[in-house]
Amino acid sequence: MKTNPIVGQGTPLHLWQSSAHLAGLACVDIADLVPEGSRAVIIAPHPDDEVLGCGGLLQGLAALGRPMLLISVTDGSASHPGSQRWPVERLSVVRPQESAQALHRLGLPLHSLKWLRAGFSDSQVASGEDDLSQFIERYLKPGDVVFTTWREDGHCDHEAVGRASAKAARAVGATLLELPVWTWHWATPEDSQVPWHRARKILLTPEAVARKRHAIHAFASQLEGDPQIGLPPVLAPYVLERLLQPFEVVFV
């Protein structure tokens, strides 16, 4: 069993900002990642990962008019274990609503965005990984470009979803692109565990970053912990600032 690397406050933002390594990454255009005629499929372990990992990319895809399918693997209801303020029953209703509000704030065309909820158990995805892979495979077609969390991202659900998505994409002949989310917390700019050779940067305008920030603030449950039981927020300010840089990274 791997130890959980998502502890403490993580790598300070200034280390990422001053990294020559990160500054030197090749940039890639959204129109080249998802060529005309292709569909983007975003597979999010929890309601919010689609915005945290690629809220800028989603805006770019919407502007290009690319068809999109979003698959929410879990309802995110295990984010506040032991909390009476945020019990599982409340979170299972609230978190998908927060996602809908966030997507609206990003300016996504909700009428044409296909959105599937897969119904797997939050924090238990690995135990149903084969089922998840088959579920994803049913909805993929050749030529799709799949965006999901990196298989080594440091969160058990993110890694299981990454592996299941990779298997499904391979089976149907879709392209897989992986997104670091919690990697920004535990890794460092020169970290050899991170496949920097596969990393490409999507540059975001100040407007796109502002809109992503506004969208992230729809996730009220994640911005709030539960002081009564000493539970800090999942999305503390130092977590958010690392995810709101003027670019997003994909592993190709």
Protein backbone atom coordinates (compact mmCIF):
# COMPACT_ATOMS: atom_id res chain seq x y z
CA MET A 1 0.00 0.00 0.00
CA LYS A 2 1.44 3.35 -1.06
CA THR A 3 1.74 6.06 1.57
CA ASN A 4 -0.38 9.13 0.90
CA PRO A 5 1.90 11.94 -0.42
CA ILE A 6 -0.85 14.57 -0.04
CA VAL A 7 0.13 15.86 3.39
CA GLY A 8 1.00 19.27 4.83
CA GLN A 9 0.98 22.37 2.64
CA GLY A 10 3.02 20.86 -0.15
CA THR A 11 5.47 22.51 -2.54
CA PRO A 12 5.30 26.32 -2.26
CA LEU A 13 4.02 28.16 -5.32
CA HIS A 14 7.20 30.23 -5.68
CA LEU A 15 9.22 27.07 -6.38
CA TRP A 16 7.00 26.29 -9.35
CA GLN A 17 7.02 29.92 -10.50
CA SER A 18 10.81 30.13 -10.44
CA SER A 19 11.37 26.76 -12.12
CA ALA A 20 13.40 26.97 -15.33
CA HIS A 21 12.27 23.40 -16.02
CA LEU A 22 8.59 24.38 -16.00
CA ALA A 23 9.23 27.62 -17.92
CA GLY A 24 10.95 25.61 -20.65
CA LEU A 25 8.11 23.16 -21.32
CA ALA A 26 6.88 23.10 -24.91
CA CYS A 27 3.50 24.78 -25.41
CA VAL A 28 0.64 23.11 -27.21
CA ASP A 29 -2.49 24.51 -28.81
CA ILE A 30 -5.90 23.20 -27.76
CA ALA A 31 -6.92 23.00 -31.43
CA ASP A 32 -3.98 20.64 -32.04
CA LEU A 33 -4.72 18.50 -28.96
CA VAL A 34 -8.33 18.02 -30.05
CA PRO A 35 -8.37 18.38 -33.85
CA GLU A 36 -11.49 19.36 -35.73
CA GLY A 37 -13.84 16.39 -35.98
CA SER A 38 -12.63 14.90 -32.68
CA ARG A 39 -14.55 14.76 -29.43
CA ALA A 40 -13.03 15.58 -26.05
CA VAL A 41 -13.91 13.16 -23.23
CA ILE A 42 -13.10 14.42 -19.73
CA ILE A 43 -13.07 11.76 -17.01
CA ALA A 44 -13.12 13.25 -13.51
CA PRO A 45 -12.64 11.12 -10.39
CA HIS A 46 -14.63 13.61 -8.27
CA PRO A 47 -16.94 16.55 -9.08
CA ASP A 48 -14.35 19.38 -9.29
CA ASP A 49 -11.38 17.55 -10.85
CA GLU A 50 -12.55 18.56 -14.33
CA VAL A 51 -12.23 22.23 -13.36
CA LEU A 52 -9.12 21.94 -11.17
CA GLY A 53 -7.23 19.93 -13.78
CA CYS A 54 -8.41 21.54 -16.99
CA GLY A 55 -10.82 24.46 -16.44
CA GLY A 56 -8.82 26.51 -18.94
CA LEU A 57 -8.78 23.72 -21.50
CA LEU A 58 -12.57 23.33 -21.16
CA GLN A 59 -13.04 27.02 -21.96
CA GLY A 60 -10.85 26.64 -25.03
CA LEU A 61 -12.74 23.56 -26.20
CA ALA A 62 -16.07 25.37 -25.79
CA ALA A 63 -14.76 28.35 -27.78
CA LEU A 64 -13.70 25.98 -30.59
CA GLY A 65 -17.12 24.31 -30.53
CA ARG A 66 -15.64 20.85 -29.94
CA PRO A 67 -18.15 18.22 -28.78
CA MET A 68 -17.52 17.18 -25.17
CA LEU A 69 -18.44 14.29 -22.90
CA LEU A 70 -17.85 14.61 -19.15
CA ILE A 71 -17.82 11.47 -17.01
CA SER A 72 -18.00 12.01 -13.24
CA VAL A 73 -16.75 8.76 -11.75
CA THR A 74 -17.85 9.35 -8.12
CA ASP A 75 -20.15 11.84 -6.38
CA GLY A 76 -17.31 13.02 -4.12
CA SER A 77 -19.28 12.23 -0.97
CA ALA A 78 -16.29 10.98 1.05
CA SER A 79 -14.52 14.36 1.12
CA HIS A 80 -15.41 15.16 4.77
CA PRO A 81 -15.08 11.91 6.75
CA GLY A 82 -16.82 12.06 10.13
CA SER A 83 -18.35 15.49 9.53
CA GLN A 84 -21.86 16.27 10.73
CA ARG A 85 -21.82 19.55 8.84
CA TRP A 86 -20.96 17.77 5.57
CA PRO A 87 -22.35 14.23 5.88
CA VAL A 88 -22.22 11.81 2.96
CA GLU A 89 -25.95 12.28 2.23
CA ARG A 90 -25.52 16.04 1.87
CA LEU A 91 -22.32 15.84 -0.17
CA SER A 92 -23.77 13.30 -2.62
CA VAL A 93 -26.40 15.90 -3.56
CA VAL A 94 -24.32 19.09 -3.22
CA ARG A 95 -21.13 18.15 -5.04
CA PRO A 96 -22.70 17.37 -8.45
CA GLN A 97 -24.68 20.64 -8.10
CA GLU A 98 -21.42 22.49 -7.46
CA SER A 99 -19.95 20.95 -10.61
CA ALA A 100 -22.93 22.10 -12.68
CA GLN A 101 -22.56 25.64 -11.30
CA ALA A 102 -18.80 25.61 -11.98
CA LEU A 103 -19.28 24.45 -15.59
CA HIS A 104 -21.87 27.22 -16.04
CA ARG A 105 -19.34 29.75 -14.71
CA LEU A 106 -16.75 28.48 -17.21
CA GLY A 107 -19.21 29.30 -19.98
CA LEU A 108 -19.68 25.71 -21.09
CA PRO A 109 -22.73 25.00 -23.25
CA LEU A 110 -24.58 22.82 -20.74
CA HIS A 111 -27.34 22.09 -23.28
CA SER A 112 -24.87 20.35 -25.61
CA LEU A 113 -22.39 18.97 -23.06
CA LYS A 114 -23.06 15.28 -22.46
CA TRP A 115 -22.57 14.49 -18.76
CA LEU A 116 -22.56 10.98 -17.32
CA ARG A 117 -22.42 10.09 -13.65
CA ALA A 118 -20.80 6.69 -13.27
CA GLY A 119 -21.81 6.11 -9.63
CA PHE A 120 -18.60 4.56 -8.27
CA SER A 121 -17.80 4.90 -4.55
CA ASP A 122 -15.65 7.87 -3.57
CA SER A 123 -12.20 6.80 -2.29
CA GLN A 124 -12.94 3.17 -3.34
CA VAL A 125 -12.54 3.40 -7.13
CA ALA A 126 -9.57 1.01 -7.26
CA SER A 127 -11.75 -1.86 -5.99
CA GLY A 128 -13.99 -1.50 -9.06
CA GLU A 129 -11.32 -0.57 -11.58
CA ASP A 130 -12.14 -3.26 -14.15
CA ASP A 131 -15.84 -2.35 -14.02
CA LEU A 132 -14.94 1.31 -14.47
CA SER A 133 -12.74 0.52 -17.46
CA GLN A 134 -15.61 -1.37 -19.10
CA PHE A 135 -18.03 1.47 -18.27
CA ILE A 136 -15.74 4.05 -19.90
CA GLU A 137 -15.10 1.83 -22.91
CA ARG A 138 -18.84 1.67 -23.64
CA TYR A 139 -18.94 5.44 -24.17
CA LEU A 140 -15.68 5.92 -26.08
CA LYS A 141 -15.16 5.80 -29.80
CA PRO A 142 -12.02 5.76 -31.98
CA GLY A 143 -10.71 9.27 -32.52
CA ASP A 144 -11.84 10.54 -29.09
CA VAL A 145 -9.29 12.51 -27.08
CA VAL A 146 -9.55 11.47 -23.44
CA PHE A 147 -8.43 13.79 -20.63
CA THR A 148 -8.14 12.30 -17.16
CA THR A 149 -6.03 12.39 -14.03
CA TRP A 150 -2.46 11.11 -14.21
CA ARG A 151 -1.94 7.47 -13.21
CA GLU A 152 0.68 8.53 -10.60
CA ASP A 153 -1.11 11.66 -9.29
CA GLY A 154 -0.87 10.66 -5.63
CA HIS A 155 -4.60 10.26 -4.85
CA CYS A 156 -5.87 6.65 -4.96
CA ASP A 157 -9.02 7.56 -6.95
CA HIS A 158 -7.10 9.75 -9.40
CA GLU A 159 -4.66 6.93 -10.09
CA ALA A 160 -7.36 4.26 -10.47
CA VAL A 161 -9.37 6.48 -12.84
CA GLY A 162 -6.20 7.17 -14.83
CA ARG A 163 -5.45 3.47 -15.19
CA ALA A 164 -9.05 2.53 -16.08
CA SER A 165 -9.22 5.36 -18.65
CA ALA A 166 -5.91 4.31 -20.20
CA LYS A 167 -7.11 0.73 -20.57
CA ALA A 168 -10.43 1.81 -22.12
CA ALA A 169 -8.76 4.30 -24.50
CA ARG A 170 -6.31 1.63 -25.65
CA ALA A 171 -9.14 -0.84 -26.27
CA VAL A 172 -11.07 1.50 -28.59
CA GLY A 173 -8.22 3.41 -30.20
CA ALA A 174 -8.78 6.75 -28.46
CA THR A 175 -5.96 9.13 -27.49
CA LEU A 176 -5.17 9.44 -23.77
CA LEU A 177 -3.88 12.67 -22.21
CA GLU A 178 -3.20 12.81 -18.47
CA LEU A 179 -3.57 15.76 -16.12
CA PRO A 180 -1.56 16.37 -12.96
CA VAL A 181 -3.76 17.68 -10.12
CA TRP A 182 -2.32 16.64 -6.75
CA THR A 183 1.12 16.30 -8.37
CA TRP A 184 1.52 20.06 -7.86
CA HIS A 185 1.25 19.43 -4.11
CA TRP A 186 3.76 16.63 -3.53
CA ALA A 187 6.17 16.87 -6.47
CA THR A 188 8.92 19.41 -7.08
CA PRO A 189 9.90 21.05 -10.39
CA GLU A 190 12.93 18.80 -10.85
CA ASP A 191 11.19 15.65 -9.57
CA SER A 192 12.30 12.63 -11.62
CA GLN A 193 9.05 10.78 -10.78
CA VAL A 194 7.17 13.26 -12.98
CA PRO A 195 7.29 12.47 -16.74
CA TRP A 196 8.38 15.97 -17.75
CA HIS A 197 9.44 14.66 -21.18
CA ARG A 198 5.72 14.02 -21.86
CA ALA A 199 4.56 17.34 -20.39
CA ARG A 200 3.10 20.10 -22.58
CA LYS A 201 1.83 23.48 -21.48
CA ILE A 202 -1.52 25.00 -22.45
CA LEU A 203 -1.17 28.76 -22.00
CA LEU A 204 -4.14 30.56 -20.43
CA THR A 205 -5.09 34.21 -20.79
CA PRO A 206 -5.66 36.26 -17.61
CA GLU A 207 -9.40 36.15 -18.47
CA ALA A 208 -9.36 32.34 -18.66
CA VAL A 209 -7.57 32.10 -15.29
CA ALA A 210 -10.07 34.53 -13.72
CA ARG A 211 -12.96 32.49 -15.05
CA LYS A 212 -11.38 29.27 -13.78
CA ARG A 213 -10.96 30.89 -10.34
CA HIS A 214 -14.63 31.95 -10.37
CA ALA A 215 -15.63 28.41 -11.34
CA ILE A 216 -13.55 26.82 -8.56
CA HIS A 217 -15.35 29.03 -6.05
CA ALA A 218 -18.57 27.21 -6.92
CA PHE A 219 -17.17 24.26 -4.93
CA ALA A 220 -18.23 25.65 -1.56
CA SER A 221 -18.07 22.26 0.17
CA GLN A 222 -14.42 21.84 -0.81
CA LEU A 223 -13.48 25.37 0.24
CA GLU A 224 -14.89 24.64 3.70
CA GLY A 225 -13.55 22.13 6.18
CA ASP A 226 -15.24 21.28 9.45
CA PRO A 227 -13.59 23.12 12.35
CA GLN A 228 -15.69 21.12 14.84
CA ILE A 229 -13.71 17.98 14.06
CA GLY A 230 -10.50 19.73 13.02
CA LEU A 231 -10.97 18.99 9.33
CA PRO A 232 -9.21 21.50 7.05
CA PRO A 233 -10.69 22.42 3.67
CA VAL A 234 -9.74 20.15 0.77
CA LEU A 235 -9.13 23.23 -1.39
CA ALA A 236 -7.13 25.44 0.95
CA PRO A 237 -5.81 28.74 -0.51
CA TYR A 238 -2.29 27.30 -1.00
CA VAL A 239 -3.79 24.38 -2.98
CA LEU A 240 -5.79 26.71 -5.21
CA GLU A 241 -2.94 29.06 -6.05
CA ARG A 242 -0.91 26.17 -7.49
CA LEU A 243 -3.87 25.21 -9.70
CA LEU A 244 -4.46 28.77 -10.91
CA GLN A 245 -1.19 29.40 -12.73
CA PRO A 246 -1.35 30.98 -16.21
CA PHE A 247 -1.13 27.55 -17.84
CA GLU A 248 -2.29 23.96 -17.50
CA VAL A 249 -0.12 20.91 -18.09
CA VAL A 250 -1.01 17.71 -19.93
CA PHE A 251 1.11 14.59 -20.26
CA VAL A 252 0.93 13.44 -23.88
